[in-house]
C-alpha atoms as a PDB file:
ATOM      1  CA  MET A   1      -9.086 -12.340  -0.031  1.00  0.00           C
ATOM      2  CA  ARG A   2      -9.485 -10.776  -3.472  1.00  0.00           C
ATOM      3  CA  TYR A   3     -10.123  -7.084  -4.055  1.00  0.00           C
ATOM      4  CA  TYR A   4     -10.675  -4.878  -7.104  1.00  0.00           C
ATOM      5  CA  ILE A   5     -10.053  -1.226  -8.035  1.00  0.00           C
ATOM      6  CA  SER A   6      -9.488   0.813 -11.195  1.00  0.00           C
ATOM      7  CA  ASP A   7      -7.988   4.012 -12.565  1.00  0.00           C
ATOM      8  CA  LEU A   8      -5.782   5.062  -9.690  1.00  0.00           C
ATOM      9  CA  HIS A   9      -3.625   7.138 -12.064  1.00  0.00           C
ATOM     10  CA  PHE A  10      -0.647   7.599  -9.763  1.00  0.00           C
ATOM     11  CA  TYR A  11       1.387  10.640 -10.886  1.00  0.00           C
ATOM     12  CA  HIS A  12      -1.471  12.013 -13.029  1.00  0.00           C
ATOM     13  CA  GLU A  13      -1.298  15.598 -11.806  1.00  0.00           C
ATOM     14  CA  ASN A  14      -4.003  16.959 -14.136  1.00  0.00           C
ATOM     15  CA  LEU A  15      -6.752  14.844 -12.558  1.00  0.00           C
ATOM     16  CA  ASN A  16      -6.682  17.158  -9.552  1.00  0.00           C
ATOM     17  CA  TYR A  17      -8.202  19.993 -11.587  1.00  0.00           C
ATOM     18  CA  GLN A  18      -9.509  18.318 -14.767  1.00  0.00           C
ATOM     19  CA  MET A  19     -12.068  15.536 -15.333  1.00  0.00           C
ATOM     20  CA  ASP A  20     -11.973  13.933 -11.845  1.00  0.00           C
ATOM     21  CA  HIS A  21     -11.282  17.156  -9.895  1.00  0.00           C
ATOM     22  CA  ARG A  22      -9.700  15.065  -7.136  1.00  0.00           C
ATOM     23  CA  GLY A  23      -8.752  18.160  -5.180  1.00  0.00           C
ATOM     24  CA  PHE A  24      -5.215  17.314  -4.033  1.00  0.00           C
ATOM     25  CA  LEU A  25      -2.563  20.029  -4.097  1.00  0.00           C
ATOM     26  CA  ASN A  26      -0.312  18.009  -6.386  1.00  0.00           C
ATOM     27  CA  ALA A  27       0.499  14.492  -7.575  1.00  0.00           C
ATOM     28  CA  ALA A  28       2.728  13.792  -4.568  1.00  0.00           C
ATOM     29  CA  GLU A  29      -0.119  14.495  -2.134  1.00  0.00           C
ATOM     30  CA  MET A  30      -2.517  12.400  -4.232  1.00  0.00           C
ATOM     31  CA  ASN A  31      -0.041   9.501  -4.415  1.00  0.00           C
ATOM     32  CA  ALA A  32       0.521   9.517  -0.657  1.00  0.00           C
ATOM     33  CA  HIS A  33      -3.212   9.530   0.094  1.00  0.00           C
ATOM     34  CA  MET A  34      -3.941   6.652  -2.306  1.00  0.00           C
ATOM     35  CA  ILE A  35      -1.112   4.583  -0.821  1.00  0.00           C
ATOM     36  CA  ARG A  36      -2.480   5.162   2.698  1.00  0.00           C
ATOM     37  CA  GLN A  37      -6.004   4.233   1.636  1.00  0.00           C
ATOM     38  CA  TRP A  38      -4.826   1.067  -0.120  1.00  0.00           C
ATOM     39  CA  ASN A  39      -2.719  -0.068   2.826  1.00  0.00           C
ATOM     40  CA  SER A  40      -5.492   0.684   5.320  1.00  0.00           C
ATOM     41  CA  ARG A  41      -7.338  -2.295   3.862  1.00  0.00           C
ATOM     42  CA  ILE A  42      -4.927  -4.634   2.116  1.00  0.00           C
ATOM     43  CA  ARG A  43      -2.739  -7.218   3.842  1.00  0.00           C
ATOM     44  CA  ASP A  44       0.331  -8.854   2.337  1.00  0.00           C
ATOM     45  CA  LYS A  45      -1.456 -12.074   1.333  1.00  0.00           C
ATOM     46  CA  ASP A  46      -4.472 -10.351  -0.222  1.00  0.00           C
ATOM     47  CA  GLU A  47      -4.864 -10.231  -3.998  1.00  0.00           C
ATOM     48  CA  VAL A  48      -5.750  -6.922  -5.658  1.00  0.00           C
ATOM     49  CA  VAL A  49      -6.815  -6.771  -9.297  1.00  0.00           C
ATOM     50  CA  VAL A  50      -6.258  -3.299 -10.752  1.00  0.00           C
ATOM     51  CA  LEU A  51      -8.552  -2.792 -13.743  1.00  0.00           C
ATOM     52  CA  GLY A  52      -6.150  -0.616 -15.673  1.00  0.00           C
ATOM     53  CA  ASP A  53      -4.480   2.800 -15.516  1.00  0.00           C
ATOM     54  CA  MET A  54      -2.418   2.152 -12.421  1.00  0.00           C
ATOM     55  CA  SER A  55       0.130   4.899 -13.056  1.00  0.00           C
ATOM     56  CA  LEU A  56       1.235   7.617 -15.435  1.00  0.00           C
ATOM     57  CA  GLY A  57       4.693   7.583 -13.915  1.00  0.00           C
ATOM     58  CA  THR A  58       7.868   6.264 -15.481  1.00  0.00           C
ATOM     59  CA  GLY A  59       8.948   2.689 -14.924  1.00  0.00           C
ATOM     60  CA  GLU A  60      11.129   3.648 -11.956  1.00  0.00           C
ATOM     61  CA  GLU A  61       8.486   5.953 -10.474  1.00  0.00           C
ATOM     62  CA  THR A  62       5.885   3.184 -10.737  1.00  0.00           C
ATOM     63  CA  ASN A  63       8.338   0.724  -9.160  1.00  0.00           C
ATOM     64  CA  GLY A  64       8.501   3.083  -6.192  1.00  0.00           C
ATOM     65  CA  ILE A  65       4.713   3.128  -5.858  1.00  0.00           C
ATOM     66  CA  LEU A  66       4.377  -0.644  -6.106  1.00  0.00           C
ATOM     67  CA  ARG A  67       7.047  -1.177  -3.447  1.00  0.00           C
ATOM     68  CA  GLN A  68       4.844   0.751  -1.004  1.00  0.00           C
ATOM     69  CA  LEU A  69       1.579  -1.086  -1.735  1.00  0.00           C
ATOM     70  CA  ARG A  70       0.667  -4.215   0.208  1.00  0.00           C
ATOM     71  CA  GLY A  71      -0.718  -7.366  -1.342  1.00  0.00           C
ATOM     72  CA  ARG A  72      -0.305  -9.479  -4.458  1.00  0.00           C
ATOM     73  CA  ILE A  73      -1.091  -7.134  -7.333  1.00  0.00           C
ATOM     74  CA  CYS A  74      -2.569  -8.213 -10.679  1.00  0.00           C
ATOM     75  CA  LEU A  75      -3.119  -5.835 -13.590  1.00  0.00           C
ATOM     76  CA  ILE A  76      -5.664  -5.623 -16.376  1.00  0.00           C
ATOM     77  CA  GLU A  77      -3.799  -3.428 -18.819  1.00  0.00           C
ATOM     78  CA  GLY A  78      -5.275   0.026 -19.443  1.00  0.00           C
ATOM     79  CA  ASN A  79      -4.618   2.613 -22.107  1.00  0.00           C
ATOM     80  CA  HIS A  80      -2.442   4.717 -19.755  1.00  0.00           C
ATOM     81  CA  ASP A  81      -0.183   1.921 -18.456  1.00  0.00           C
ATOM     82  CA  SER A  82       2.743   2.929 -20.698  1.00  0.00           C
ATOM     83  CA  TYR A  83       5.282   2.222 -17.905  1.00  0.00           C
ATOM     84  CA  LEU A  84       4.868  -1.462 -18.868  1.00  0.00           C
ATOM     85  CA  THR A  85       7.105  -0.840 -21.896  1.00  0.00           C
ATOM     86  CA  ASP A  86       9.710   1.086 -19.887  1.00  0.00           C
ATOM     87  CA  ARG A  87      12.863  -1.048 -19.563  1.00  0.00           C
ATOM     88  CA  GLN A  88      13.312   0.183 -15.999  1.00  0.00           C
ATOM     89  CA  PHE A  89       9.953  -1.202 -14.883  1.00  0.00           C
ATOM     90  CA  ASP A  90      10.124  -4.296 -12.654  1.00  0.00           C
ATOM     91  CA  ARG A  91       7.286  -6.633 -13.689  1.00  0.00           C
ATOM     92  CA  SER A  92       8.145  -9.110 -10.945  1.00  0.00           C
ATOM     93  CA  ARG A  93       6.072  -7.020  -8.510  1.00  0.00           C
ATOM     94  CA  LEU A  94       2.941  -7.932 -10.505  1.00  0.00           C
ATOM     95  CA  GLU A  95       1.444 -11.427 -10.297  1.00  0.00           C
ATOM     96  CA  TRP A  96       0.186 -11.133 -13.869  1.00  0.00           C
ATOM     97  CA  VAL A  97      -0.623  -8.571 -16.559  1.00  0.00           C
ATOM     98  CA  LYS A  98      -3.458  -9.287 -19.020  1.00  0.00           C
ATOM     99  CA  PRO A  99      -5.654  -7.257 -21.364  1.00  0.00           C
ATOM    100  CA  TYR A 100      -8.708  -9.289 -20.280  1.00  0.00           C
ATOM    101  CA  ALA A 101      -9.477 -12.016 -17.761  1.00  0.00           C
ATOM    102  CA  GLU A 102     -12.289 -14.225 -16.463  1.00  0.00           C
ATOM    103  CA  LEU A 103     -12.052 -15.371 -12.841  1.00  0.00           C
ATOM    104  CA  ARG A 104     -14.168 -17.213 -10.284  1.00  0.00           C
ATOM    105  CA  ASP A 105     -15.081 -15.334  -7.120  1.00  0.00           C
ATOM    106  CA  ASN A 106     -17.200 -17.162  -4.524  1.00  0.00           C
ATOM    107  CA  LYS A 107     -19.026 -19.299  -7.119  1.00  0.00           C
ATOM    108  CA  ARG A 108     -19.581 -16.372  -9.475  1.00  0.00           C
ATOM    109  CA  LYS A 109     -17.884 -15.571 -12.757  1.00  0.00           C
ATOM    110  CA  VAL A 110     -16.143 -12.210 -12.934  1.00  0.00           C
ATOM    111  CA  ILE A 111     -15.367 -10.646 -16.309  1.00  0.00           C
ATOM    112  CA  LEU A 112     -12.445  -8.206 -16.064  1.00  0.00           C
ATOM    113  CA  SER A 113     -11.694  -5.548 -18.664  1.00  0.00           C
ATOM    114  CA  HIS A 114     -10.396  -1.989 -18.539  1.00  0.00           C
ATOM    115  CA  TYR A 115     -13.166  -1.036 -20.954  1.00  0.00           C
ATOM    116  CA  PRO A 116     -16.893  -1.600 -20.279  1.00  0.00           C
ATOM    117  CA  MET A 117     -18.276  -4.497 -22.339  1.00  0.00           C
ATOM    118  CA  ILE A 118     -22.022  -4.357 -22.980  1.00  0.00           C
ATOM    119  CA  CYS A 119     -22.208  -7.929 -24.312  1.00  0.00           C
ATOM    120  CA  TYR A 120     -20.059  -9.904 -21.880  1.00  0.00           C
ATOM    121  CA  ASN A 121     -19.683 -13.643 -21.460  1.00  0.00           C
ATOM    122  CA  GLY A 122     -22.378 -15.059 -19.191  1.00  0.00           C
ATOM    123  CA  GLN A 123     -24.519 -11.933 -19.037  1.00  0.00           C
ATOM    124  CA  TYR A 124     -27.801 -13.913 -19.062  1.00  0.00           C
ATOM    125  CA  ARG A 125     -26.860 -16.478 -16.439  1.00  0.00           C
ATOM    126  CA  LYS A 126     -28.716 -16.666 -13.115  1.00  0.00           C
ATOM    127  CA  ASP A 127     -28.620 -19.098 -10.228  1.00  0.00           C
ATOM    128  CA  GLU A 128     -31.532 -21.237  -9.038  1.00  0.00           C
ATOM    129  CA  VAL A 129     -33.145 -18.322  -7.161  1.00  0.00           C
ATOM    130  CA  GLY A 130     -32.656 -15.773  -9.957  1.00  0.00           C
ATOM    131  CA  ARG A 131     -29.489 -14.030  -8.788  1.00  0.00           C
ATOM    132  CA  PRO A 132     -26.823 -13.082 -11.370  1.00  0.00           C
ATOM    133  CA  ARG A 133     -24.029 -15.620 -11.815  1.00  0.00           C
ATOM    134  CA  THR A 134     -21.758 -13.232 -13.741  1.00  0.00           C
ATOM    135  CA  TYR A 135     -20.467  -9.724 -13.083  1.00  0.00           C
ATOM    136  CA  MET A 136     -18.603  -7.481 -15.519  1.00  0.00           C
ATOM    137  CA  LEU A 137     -16.054  -5.227 -13.741  1.00  0.00           C
ATOM    138  CA  TYR A 138     -14.531  -2.339 -15.670  1.00  0.00           C
ATOM    139  CA  GLY A 139     -12.834   1.042 -15.422  1.00  0.00           C
ATOM    140  CA  HIS A 140     -11.670   3.605 -17.994  1.00  0.00           C
ATOM    141  CA  VAL A 141     -14.702   5.922 -17.975  1.00  0.00           C
ATOM    142  CA  HIS A 142     -14.205   7.332 -14.435  1.00  0.00           C
ATOM    143  CA  ASP A 143     -17.330   9.305 -13.447  1.00  0.00           C
ATOM    144  CA  THR A 144     -17.899  10.965 -16.805  1.00  0.00           C
ATOM    145  CA  PHE A 145     -20.569  11.305 -19.488  1.00  0.00           C
ATOM    146  CA  ASP A 146     -19.461   7.905 -20.815  1.00  0.00           C
ATOM    147  CA  GLU A 147     -20.279   6.340 -17.434  1.00  0.00           C
ATOM    148  CA  ALA A 148     -23.721   7.973 -17.601  1.00  0.00           C
ATOM    149  CA  LEU A 149     -24.249   6.350 -21.017  1.00  0.00           C
ATOM    150  CA  VAL A 150     -23.223   2.939 -19.640  1.00  0.00           C
ATOM    151  CA  ASN A 151     -25.688   3.421 -16.787  1.00  0.00           C
ATOM    152  CA  ARG A 152     -28.488   4.308 -19.206  1.00  0.00           C
ATOM    153  CA  TYR A 153     -27.722   1.187 -21.212  1.00  0.00           C
ATOM    154  CA  GLN A 154     -27.900  -0.954 -18.082  1.00  0.00           C
ATOM    155  CA  ASP A 155     -31.170   0.579 -16.943  1.00  0.00           C
ATOM    156  CA  GLU A 156     -32.755  -0.060 -20.332  1.00  0.00           C
ATOM    157  CA  THR A 157     -31.384  -3.603 -20.548  1.00  0.00           C
ATOM    158  CA  ARG A 158     -32.668  -4.508 -17.084  1.00  0.00           C
ATOM    159  CA  ARG A 159     -36.165  -3.351 -18.108  1.00  0.00           C
ATOM    160  CA  ALA A 160     -36.053  -5.405 -21.318  1.00  0.00           C
ATOM    161  CA  LYS A 161     -37.290  -8.973 -21.749  1.00  0.00           C
ATOM    162  CA  ARG A 162     -35.576 -11.499 -24.001  1.00  0.00           C
ATOM    163  CA  PRO A 163     -37.228 -14.509 -25.637  1.00  0.00           C
ATOM    164  CA  ASP A 164     -36.829 -17.829 -23.840  1.00  0.00           C
ATOM    165  CA  CYS A 165     -35.093 -20.291 -26.178  1.00  0.00           C
ATOM    166  CA  HIS A 166     -37.150 -23.096 -24.606  1.00  0.00           C
ATOM    167  CA  GLY A 167     -40.488 -21.471 -25.385  1.00  0.00           C
ATOM    168  CA  GLY A 168     -41.239 -20.181 -21.909  1.00  0.00           C
ATOM    169  CA  PRO A 169     -42.214 -16.634 -20.899  1.00  0.00           C
ATOM    170  CA  PRO A 170     -39.792 -13.775 -21.728  1.00  0.00           C
ATOM    171  CA  LEU A 171     -36.827 -13.482 -19.393  1.00  0.00           C
ATOM    172  CA  SER A 172     -35.218 -10.485 -17.724  1.00  0.00           C
ATOM    173  CA  VAL A 173     -31.535  -9.690 -18.288  1.00  0.00           C
ATOM    174  CA  PRO A 174     -29.430  -9.218 -15.118  1.00  0.00           C
ATOM    175  CA  CYS A 175     -26.856  -6.877 -16.775  1.00  0.00           C
ATOM    176  CA  GLN A 176     -24.409  -6.526 -13.909  1.00  0.00           C
ATOM    177  CA  MET A 177     -21.716  -4.076 -15.074  1.00  0.00           C
ATOM    178  CA  ILE A 178     -19.823  -2.399 -12.241  1.00  0.00           C
ATOM    179  CA  ASN A 179     -17.418   0.504 -12.595  1.00  0.00           C
ATOM    180  CA  CYS A 180     -14.640  -0.020 -10.003  1.00  0.00           C
ATOM    181  CA  PHE A 181     -13.439   3.579 -10.304  1.00  0.00           C
ATOM    182  CA  CYS A 182     -11.223   4.374  -7.317  1.00  0.00           C
ATOM    183  CA  MET A 183     -13.088   7.537  -6.327  1.00  0.00           C
ATOM    184  CA  PHE A 184     -16.297   5.526  -5.852  1.00  0.00           C
ATOM    185  CA  SER A 185     -14.562   3.643  -3.005  1.00  0.00           C
ATOM    186  CA  ASP A 186     -12.474   6.501  -1.579  1.00  0.00           C
ATOM    187  CA  TYR A 187      -9.379   4.922  -3.176  1.00  0.00           C
ATOM    188  CA  ILE A 188      -9.803   1.672  -1.194  1.00  0.00           C
ATOM    189  CA  PRO A 189      -9.791  -1.691  -3.040  1.00  0.00           C
ATOM    190  CA  LEU A 190     -13.054  -3.572  -2.396  1.00  0.00           C
ATOM    191  CA  THR A 191     -14.300  -7.154  -2.611  1.00  0.00           C
ATOM    192  CA  LEU A 192     -16.821  -8.169  -5.257  1.00  0.00           C
ATOM    193  CA  ASP A 193     -19.662  -8.117  -2.720  1.00  0.00           C
ATOM    194  CA  GLU A 194     -18.647  -4.644  -1.572  1.00  0.00           C
ATOM    195  CA  TRP A 195     -18.553  -3.363  -5.151  1.00  0.00           C
ATOM    196  CA  ILE A 196     -22.015  -4.848  -5.744  1.00  0.00           C
ATOM    197  CA  ASP A 197     -23.253  -2.948  -2.682  1.00  0.00           C
ATOM    198  CA  VAL A 198     -21.493   0.289  -3.673  1.00  0.00           C
ATOM    199  CA  ASP A 199     -22.933   0.070  -7.198  1.00  0.00           C
ATOM    200  CA  LYS A 200     -26.461  -0.508  -5.909  1.00  0.00           C
ATOM    201  CA  LYS A 201     -26.284   2.396  -3.448  1.00  0.00           C
ATOM    202  CA  ARG A 202     -24.634   4.712  -5.960  1.00  0.00           C
ATOM    203  CA  ARG A 203     -27.413   4.085  -8.467  1.00  0.00           C
ATOM    204  CA  SER A 204     -30.052   4.750  -5.830  1.00  0.00           C
ATOM    205  CA  GLY A 205     -28.295   7.934  -4.698  1.00  0.00           C
ATOM    206  CA  ARG A 206     -27.561   6.544  -1.231  1.00  0.00           C
ATOM    207  CA  THR A 207     -23.823   7.221  -1.264  1.00  0.00           C
ATOM    208  CA  ASP A 208     -23.980   8.597   2.281  1.00  0.00           C
ATOM    209  CA  HIS A 209     -24.584   5.040   3.476  1.00  0.00           C
ATOM    210  CA  ILE A 210     -21.434   3.620   1.854  1.00  0.00           C
ATOM    211  CA  SER A 211     -18.718   2.661   4.345  1.00  0.00           C
ATOM    212  CA  PHE A 212     -15.760   0.280   4.279  1.00  0.00           C
ATOM    213  CA  ARG A 213     -13.862  -1.721   6.854  1.00  0.00           C
ATOM    214  CA  THR A 214     -10.246  -0.638   7.292  1.00  0.00           C
ATOM    215  CA  GLU A 215      -7.556  -1.711   9.731  1.00  0.00           C
END
């Protein structure tokens, strides 16, 4: 099974009282909670794609975190993943590290980038019944003003109509950009279908109905 999550920021003490206001007493308490949440869902054979900003710790500190996390971990490199250049960091714990990737997930294309991409590969594609064939998963912006701007862009794009290159009636644009910010899932990695559901409910304000299966 494949799961996704972004911007965990292990060891980033300031996020408890700035920007995210995560509310933990310190980085150690935050780290322990995120490890528990991750392992409540992930099994050893599962694949987890982290969409950047895994850790602000040193190479050795990040090694210690990764040793405690279950699953096969893949990383889309974020702007805060400086431990990757630390000579003490053990890259063998990661399946791969890339700045950008395109994967297949249950017959759908998934575009993976730390940064939101408003013009992503396959953004117009739909299946035979009009469902999106491509989803753009990102991180970086947390739940900030920048995320609000991305949401406004998506709302406007979904209302727009583009010309049909074959001369037919104007077509709608699916525009499926999903922020996999860890706080939106209570620090639990989710499947693509779960992120689609979380995104839909979050946009409609129905966050009280969001729940996840854990062991």
